Protein backbone atom coordinates (compact mmCIF):
# COMPACT_ATOMS: atom_id res chain seq x y z
CA MET A 1 171.66 64.95 153.89
CA SER A 2 170.66 61.22 154.39
CA LEU A 3 168.42 59.41 151.92
CA ARG A 4 165.43 59.20 154.67
CA ARG A 5 165.62 62.75 155.53
CA SER A 6 165.39 63.41 151.64
CA GLN A 7 162.61 61.23 151.16
CA THR A 8 160.83 62.81 154.51
CA ILE A 9 161.27 66.38 152.86
CA PHE A 10 159.85 64.73 149.36
CA CYS A 11 156.86 63.07 150.71
CA GLY A 12 156.13 66.42 153.08
CA PHE A 13 156.68 68.68 149.74
CA CYS A 14 154.04 66.39 148.02
CA TYR A 15 151.51 66.26 150.93
CA PHE A 16 151.45 69.88 151.21
CA PHE A 17 151.29 70.61 147.28
CA ALA A 18 148.17 68.09 147.23
CA LEU A 19 146.61 69.64 150.28
CA ALA A 20 146.98 73.23 148.55
CA THR A 21 145.56 71.71 145.13
CA ARG A 22 142.72 70.64 147.16
CA MET A 23 142.31 73.73 148.93
CA ALA A 24 142.42 75.55 145.85
CA LEU A 25 139.66 73.26 143.60
CA ALA A 26 137.57 74.14 146.91
CA GLN A 27 137.61 78.12 146.54
CA PRO A 28 135.40 79.01 143.51
CA ILE A 29 137.52 80.68 140.61
CA PRO A 30 137.31 84.49 141.38
CA PHE A 31 135.34 86.05 138.23
CA ARG A 32 134.64 89.59 138.21
CA HIS A 33 131.85 90.58 135.89
CA HIS A 34 132.04 93.59 133.88
CA VAL A 35 129.75 95.32 131.81
CA VAL A 36 131.53 96.11 128.55
CA ASP A 37 128.49 97.91 127.16
CA SER A 38 125.05 98.33 128.53
CA HIS A 39 123.72 99.70 125.08
CA GLY A 40 125.34 97.59 122.64
CA PRO A 41 124.09 96.37 119.26
CA VAL A 42 120.54 95.05 119.50
CA ASN A 43 120.54 91.24 119.62
CA PRO A 44 124.09 90.87 119.27
CA TRP A 45 124.39 87.50 117.63
CA GLY A 46 127.83 87.76 116.44
CA LYS A 47 130.92 88.17 118.29
CA GLY A 48 134.43 88.04 117.76
CA ILE A 49 137.89 89.12 119.04
CA GLY A 50 141.31 90.27 117.71
CA ASP A 51 143.88 92.93 117.94
CA LEU A 52 142.32 95.42 115.55
CA ASN A 53 144.70 98.40 116.25
CA GLY A 54 148.05 96.77 116.80
CA ASP A 55 148.78 97.79 120.52
CA HIS A 56 148.77 93.76 121.25
CA ARG A 57 145.91 93.97 123.53
CA MET A 58 142.69 91.80 122.35
CA ASP A 59 139.67 93.87 121.30
CA PHE A 60 136.31 92.76 120.98
CA VAL A 61 133.72 92.96 117.75
CA VAL A 62 130.03 92.39 118.29
CA GLY A 63 127.23 92.68 115.29
CA GLY A 64 123.79 93.15 115.83
CA SER A 65 121.14 91.11 114.22
CA LYS A 66 118.28 93.67 114.93
CA SER A 67 119.94 97.06 114.77
CA GLY A 68 123.11 98.84 116.00
CA GLY A 69 125.43 97.73 113.30
CA LEU A 70 128.67 96.08 113.60
CA VAL A 71 131.21 97.79 116.24
CA TRP A 72 134.34 96.92 117.98
CA TYR A 73 135.50 97.90 121.55
CA ARG A 74 138.96 99.16 122.45
CA ASN A 75 140.91 97.24 125.03
CA PRO A 76 141.32 98.28 127.99
CA SER A 77 139.05 101.64 127.83
CA TRP A 78 136.39 99.28 125.97
CA GLN A 79 135.70 102.71 124.09
CA LYS A 80 133.19 101.68 121.21
CA GLN A 81 134.29 102.31 117.53
CA ILE A 82 132.06 102.08 114.89
CA ILE A 83 132.49 99.78 111.67
CA ARG A 84 129.31 99.83 110.43
CA LYS A 85 126.13 101.62 111.40
CA ASP A 86 124.00 100.04 109.13
CA GLY A 87 123.38 96.02 108.51
CA LEU A 88 121.62 93.21 110.14
CA TRP A 89 124.57 90.92 111.49
CA SER A 90 124.48 87.10 111.95
CA THR A 91 126.06 84.52 114.06
CA ASP A 92 129.97 84.70 113.39
CA ILE A 93 132.82 87.05 113.29
CA GLU A 94 136.38 86.54 112.51
CA CYS A 95 139.44 88.61 112.69
CA ALA A 96 142.23 87.98 110.09
CA ASP A 97 144.39 89.74 107.76
CA ILE A 98 142.74 89.17 104.37
CA ASP A 99 144.29 91.64 102.47
CA GLY A 100 147.79 91.03 103.68
CA ASP A 101 148.48 94.44 105.00
CA GLY A 102 149.80 93.58 108.39
CA ASP A 103 146.58 94.78 110.10
CA LEU A 104 143.62 92.42 111.08
CA ASP A 105 140.57 92.87 108.97
CA VAL A 106 136.89 91.58 109.87
CA VAL A 107 135.38 88.67 108.53
CA ALA A 108 131.33 88.73 109.17
CA LEU A 109 128.04 87.16 108.38
CA LYS A 110 125.26 89.38 107.39
CA LYS A 111 121.82 87.71 107.59
CA SER A 112 122.28 86.57 104.17
CA ALA A 113 125.81 87.18 102.98
CA LEU A 114 129.61 86.35 103.59
CA CYS A 115 131.45 89.35 103.66
CA TRP A 116 134.92 90.94 104.81
CA LEU A 117 135.72 94.49 106.21
CA GLU A 118 138.91 96.26 105.58
CA ASN A 119 140.93 97.85 108.46
CA PRO A 120 141.00 100.77 108.83
CA SER A 121 138.67 102.27 106.11
CA TRP A 122 136.24 99.19 106.94
CA GLU A 123 135.06 99.34 103.48
CA ILE A 124 133.20 96.27 102.88
CA HIS A 125 133.56 93.35 100.46
CA VAL A 126 130.95 90.75 99.78
CA ILE A 127 132.33 87.71 99.10
CA GLU A 128 128.82 85.53 98.51
CA PRO A 129 125.48 86.19 99.01
CA ARG A 130 124.38 82.97 101.07
CA VAL A 131 122.88 82.49 104.44
CA LEU A 132 125.52 80.99 106.74
CA HIS A 133 125.92 80.43 110.72
CA ASP A 134 129.35 79.58 111.37
CA ILE A 135 132.81 80.74 109.61
CA GLU A 136 136.71 80.26 110.16
CA ALA A 137 139.48 81.78 108.62
CA VAL A 138 142.81 79.74 108.00
CA ASP A 139 145.14 79.74 105.52
CA PHE A 140 144.27 75.98 104.18
CA ASP A 141 146.61 75.25 100.99
CA SER A 142 149.64 77.23 102.91
CA ASP A 143 150.09 79.79 100.27
CA GLY A 144 150.51 82.65 102.71
CA ASP A 145 146.64 84.05 102.49
CA ILE A 146 143.58 83.46 104.43
CA ASP A 147 140.99 81.30 103.24
CA LEU A 148 137.89 80.50 104.61
CA VAL A 149 135.42 77.41 105.51
CA ALA A 150 131.83 78.07 106.63
CA ARG A 151 128.61 76.17 107.39
CA ASP A 152 124.68 77.07 107.70
CA GLN A 153 122.60 75.17 110.77
CA GLY A 154 120.72 72.44 110.66
CA GLU A 155 117.30 73.75 112.48
CA PHE A 156 114.64 76.56 111.99
CA GLY A 157 114.24 75.34 108.33
CA HIS A 158 117.84 75.47 107.26
CA SER A 159 120.33 72.67 106.27
CA GLY A 160 123.73 72.54 107.77
CA ALA A 161 124.75 69.49 105.48
CA THR A 162 127.27 71.56 103.15
CA LEU A 163 130.55 72.58 104.09
CA HIS A 164 131.23 75.81 101.95
CA PHE A 165 135.15 76.68 101.17
CA TYR A 166 136.39 80.01 99.78
CA ARG A 167 139.86 80.07 98.68
CA GLN A 168 141.35 83.31 98.11
CA ASP A 169 143.15 83.53 94.79
CA ALA A 170 143.87 87.39 95.00
CA HIS A 171 142.77 90.70 96.54
CA ARG A 172 138.91 90.56 96.59
CA LYS A 173 139.15 87.27 94.57
CA TRP A 174 137.61 84.04 95.64
CA SER A 175 137.02 80.67 94.32
CA HIS A 176 134.29 78.39 96.03
CA ARG A 177 133.85 74.85 96.25
CA SER A 178 130.91 73.01 98.46
CA LEU A 179 131.29 69.69 100.09
CA SER A 180 128.54 67.18 101.41
CA CYS A 181 128.90 66.67 105.35
CA PRO A 182 126.33 65.60 108.02
CA ASP A 183 123.58 67.84 108.90
CA GLY A 184 123.65 69.64 112.00
CA GLU A 185 125.43 72.69 113.57
CA GLY A 186 129.02 73.55 114.59
CA LEU A 187 132.22 74.24 112.60
CA ALA A 188 136.10 74.42 113.82
CA THR A 189 139.49 73.97 112.41
CA ALA A 190 142.54 72.40 114.10
CA ASP A 191 145.33 70.15 112.93
CA MET A 192 143.73 66.70 113.97
CA ASP A 193 146.38 64.59 112.39
CA GLY A 194 149.51 66.58 113.16
CA ASP A 195 150.66 67.05 109.54
CA GLN A 196 150.96 70.70 109.79
CA ASP A 197 147.70 71.79 108.23
CA MET A 198 144.56 72.77 109.37
CA ASP A 199 141.52 70.39 109.16
CA VAL A 200 137.95 70.68 109.73
CA VAL A 201 136.00 69.76 112.68
CA ILE A 202 132.35 69.31 112.85
CA ASN A 203 129.57 67.33 115.10
CA SER A 204 130.92 63.87 115.16
CA SER A 205 133.40 63.97 112.06
CA TRP A 206 136.23 65.81 110.98
CA PHE A 207 137.63 66.17 107.24
CA GLU A 208 141.27 66.07 106.40
CA ASN A 209 142.92 68.91 104.49
CA SER A 210 145.14 67.82 101.73
CA GLY A 211 146.42 70.98 100.84
CA ASP A 212 144.37 71.04 97.88
CA ILE A 213 141.11 73.18 98.87
CA LEU A 214 139.00 72.97 95.49
CA ASN A 215 140.07 69.66 94.05
CA GLY A 216 140.99 67.72 97.64
CA ALA A 217 139.35 64.78 98.57
CA TRP A 218 138.62 66.03 102.18
CA PRO A 219 138.13 62.35 103.41
CA ARG A 220 135.70 62.67 106.36
CA ARG A 221 137.19 60.80 109.49
CA SER A 222 134.34 59.75 112.11
CA TYR A 223 135.62 60.33 115.99
CA THR A 224 132.33 58.88 117.44
CA GLN A 225 129.35 56.97 116.34
CA HIS A 226 127.39 57.51 119.61
CA TRP A 227 127.06 61.46 119.62
CA THR A 228 123.76 61.58 117.48
CA HIS A 229 122.61 65.22 118.46
CA ALA A 230 123.04 67.00 115.26
CA SER A 231 123.36 70.62 116.85
CA ALA A 232 126.49 70.89 118.66
CA PHE A 233 129.13 73.77 119.68
CA VAL A 234 132.50 72.22 118.80
CA CYS A 235 135.89 72.76 120.52
CA PRO A 236 138.74 70.98 119.47
CA ALA A 237 141.77 71.21 122.14
CA ASP A 238 144.53 69.02 123.48
CA LEU A 239 142.44 68.31 127.08
CA ASN A 240 144.31 65.78 128.46
CA GLN A 241 147.81 67.25 127.50
CA ASP A 242 149.02 64.12 125.47
CA GLY A 243 150.02 66.15 122.37
CA ARG A 244 147.08 65.09 120.31
CA ILE A 245 144.03 67.15 119.42
CA ASP A 246 140.85 66.00 121.60
CA VAL A 247 137.22 67.45 120.53
CA VAL A 248 134.66 68.80 123.17
CA LEU A 249 131.08 68.90 122.16
CA SER A 250 128.09 70.85 123.98
CA PRO A 251 124.39 70.29 122.83
CA SER A 252 123.71 73.74 120.91
CA GLU A 253 119.73 73.50 119.98
CA LEU A 254 116.93 73.23 120.74
CA ALA A 255 115.17 74.34 123.97
CA GLY A 256 113.66 71.92 125.78
CA GLU A 257 115.85 68.91 124.69
CA ARG A 258 118.16 67.21 126.61
CA TYR A 259 121.59 65.53 125.94
CA ARG A 260 125.33 65.55 127.04
CA ILE A 261 128.31 67.46 127.07
CA SER A 262 131.36 65.03 126.38
CA TRP A 263 135.05 65.03 125.35
CA PHE A 264 136.28 62.74 122.89
CA GLU A 265 140.15 61.59 123.60
CA ALA A 266 142.25 61.43 120.12
CA PRO A 267 143.59 57.91 119.74
CA LYS A 268 147.54 57.51 118.48
CA ASP A 269 146.16 57.37 114.87
CA PRO A 270 142.90 59.62 114.57
CA LYS A 271 142.06 58.42 111.14
CA THR A 272 141.79 54.54 111.96
CA GLN A 273 141.55 54.00 115.62
CA ALA A 274 138.60 54.28 117.75
CA TRP A 275 138.06 57.58 120.32
CA LEU A 276 137.03 57.14 123.66
CA GLU A 277 134.15 59.40 124.83
CA HIS A 278 134.36 61.12 128.31
CA PRO A 279 131.05 62.51 129.77
CA ILE A 280 131.56 65.72 131.29
CA ALA A 281 127.81 66.54 132.33
CA ARG A 282 125.31 63.67 131.04
CA ASN A 283 121.91 65.41 131.23
CA VAL A 284 121.90 69.20 130.40
CA GLU A 285 119.42 71.27 128.33
CA ALA A 286 120.29 71.50 124.52
CA VAL A 287 121.19 75.24 124.72
CA HIS A 288 124.63 75.23 125.46
CA HIS A 289 125.70 77.31 122.57
CA PHE A 290 129.26 77.74 123.94
CA VAL A 291 132.09 75.17 124.81
CA GLY A 292 135.57 76.08 125.49
CA VAL A 293 138.70 74.87 127.26
CA ALA A 294 141.48 76.63 129.28
CA ASP A 295 143.02 76.24 132.50
CA PHE A 296 141.08 78.42 134.47
CA ASP A 297 142.31 77.70 138.04
CA LEU A 298 145.67 77.72 137.40
CA ASP A 299 146.24 74.14 138.51
CA GLY A 300 147.88 72.62 135.69
CA ASP A 301 144.89 70.58 134.14
CA ILE A 302 142.38 71.70 131.68
CA ASP A 303 139.30 72.65 132.75
CA VAL A 304 135.86 73.14 130.49
CA ALA A 305 133.65 76.57 130.29
CA SER A 306 130.29 76.40 128.91
CA ALA A 307 126.93 78.74 128.68
CA GLU A 308 123.21 78.08 128.32
CA MET A 309 121.45 80.62 126.03
CA GLU A 310 118.74 82.69 127.54
CA GLN A 311 115.82 80.63 125.74
CA GLY A 312 116.39 77.80 127.91
CA ALA A 313 115.02 77.16 131.44
CA ASP A 314 116.13 79.35 133.85
CA PRO A 315 118.51 79.98 135.60
CA ASP A 316 120.82 80.47 132.33
CA GLU A 317 124.28 79.20 133.81
CA VAL A 318 127.31 80.40 132.96
CA LYS A 319 129.93 78.21 134.13
CA ILE A 320 133.10 76.10 134.48
CA TYR A 321 133.60 72.49 134.80
CA ARG A 322 136.64 72.04 136.73
CA ASN A 323 139.18 69.33 136.15
CA THR A 324 139.50 67.42 139.37
CA GLY A 325 142.90 66.11 138.12
CA ASP A 326 141.92 62.59 135.98
CA ASN A 327 140.35 64.43 133.19
CA VAL A 328 137.09 62.25 133.88
CA THR A 329 135.77 63.74 136.99
CA TRP A 330 134.80 67.50 137.06
CA ALA A 331 132.97 69.85 139.65
CA VAL A 332 130.65 72.36 138.31
CA GLU A 333 131.38 76.07 139.27
CA VAL A 334 128.24 78.40 138.08
CA PHE A 335 129.79 82.03 138.24
CA ALA A 336 126.60 83.54 136.47
CA THR A 337 123.01 82.96 135.95
CA THR A 338 122.28 85.54 133.09
CA GLY A 339 123.29 83.01 130.28
CA SER A 340 125.46 84.02 127.29
CA HIS A 341 125.92 82.67 123.87
CA SER A 342 129.34 82.05 121.31
CA MET A 343 131.40 83.09 123.97
CA ARG A 344 135.41 83.78 123.73
CA LEU A 345 138.17 82.92 125.61
CA VAL A 346 140.86 85.46 125.71
CA ASP A 347 143.42 87.00 128.36
CA VAL A 348 142.13 90.62 127.89
CA ASP A 349 144.65 91.97 130.80
CA SER A 350 147.72 89.70 130.02
CA ASP A 351 147.90 88.37 133.28
CA GLY A 352 148.33 84.74 132.04
CA ASP A 353 144.87 83.54 133.33
CA ILE A 354 141.71 83.04 130.58
CA ASP A 355 138.75 85.61 130.74
CA LEU A 356 135.35 85.11 128.99
CA PHE A 357 133.88 87.69 126.44
CA GLY A 358 130.27 87.10 125.66
CA ALA A 359 126.76 88.18 125.16
CA ASN A 360 123.30 86.89 124.87
CA HIS A 361 121.90 86.80 121.29
CA GLN A 362 118.80 88.60 122.74
CA GLY A 363 119.21 91.96 124.38
CA HIS A 364 122.19 94.82 124.14
CA THR A 365 124.38 93.63 126.90
CA VAL A 366 127.90 93.14 126.15
CA ASP A 367 129.79 91.14 128.84
CA LEU A 368 133.03 90.46 130.28
CA TRP A 369 133.94 88.03 133.17
CA ILE A 370 137.73 88.86 134.33
CA ASN A 371 139.51 86.04 135.85
CA GLU A 372 141.25 86.93 139.05
CA THR A 373 142.91 83.57 139.76
CA LYS A 374 146.30 84.00 141.32
CA SER A 375 149.05 82.31 139.74
CA PRO A 376 150.88 79.53 141.61
CA GLY A 377 153.72 81.92 142.66
CA GLY A 378 151.20 84.94 143.64
CA GLN A 379 152.02 86.95 140.71
């Protein structure tokens, strides 16, 4: 084959690939709405995901802040299983193997306590009576067991100016350490500096893990001086796929206020160099109590999902900001106007694309949006 003919074929391939990409972007991402439970826990503030029965499928956990207790839904039948009939459950749930017996337990917030529930008996263990808003469960000190970090929120008469660390010392025994942080809302964990341990990320800052939970310095590193909205939903992720962890923020409180959704690009040295902010949506109501990232349309770049809580101005959008390929321009795609809160990204049907599980924090309906995007190969 001649060089000229090879170049012609290659150029033709590039043209049709680019055309196919544009056509794919023009087509909405096909989300199919499925009601997991129309009579779930009332005011389902808490949501979590995990394989609770060991069948390699991701199940859902939901807690009601008004009534209905704490339940989990078995994937794929979504049959409801009772964890606790009683209790008023708050705003975060994580699934982790707390007791090291090989199955996932449930870490959950009650209205005034941090607790974990032991799978499969669901015996409840109170870690500490404390009002909190967010929790994360990871092994901070690399000793083989799960530790916790938690934070309250800085609105509604609360303060989010303290991180609470819980080091697991032995079965049912925990040591607590508090650490001051800027007031606000939002909490996540990620390896921000690439040193193979998990750091803590909040609105505008991250805290470096030295491996010593109780006595370590946890130095605070700022990734933005320009994001001033204290209440944020925090999502660390490698958005531009350069091997470094970036941060996406959405304004999560209060209704009627307006701010922006942005991602912050990690520099080579995330501790000392400046991070660059890239706005995704410049003027949104501050009720976007969820933001998450994934390649929802399977086109090779990373998109951003977000949702508005129902107390915002109607319509309450659940949407994808589709990456047009340069990581700085976005095409918004609204696929529901029912609203949602603290959603979870999960591939429920193991088909290679990412689905969305959530529930409004008022009401009693548990929702799932199943992504039916076909892979480039048609599989």
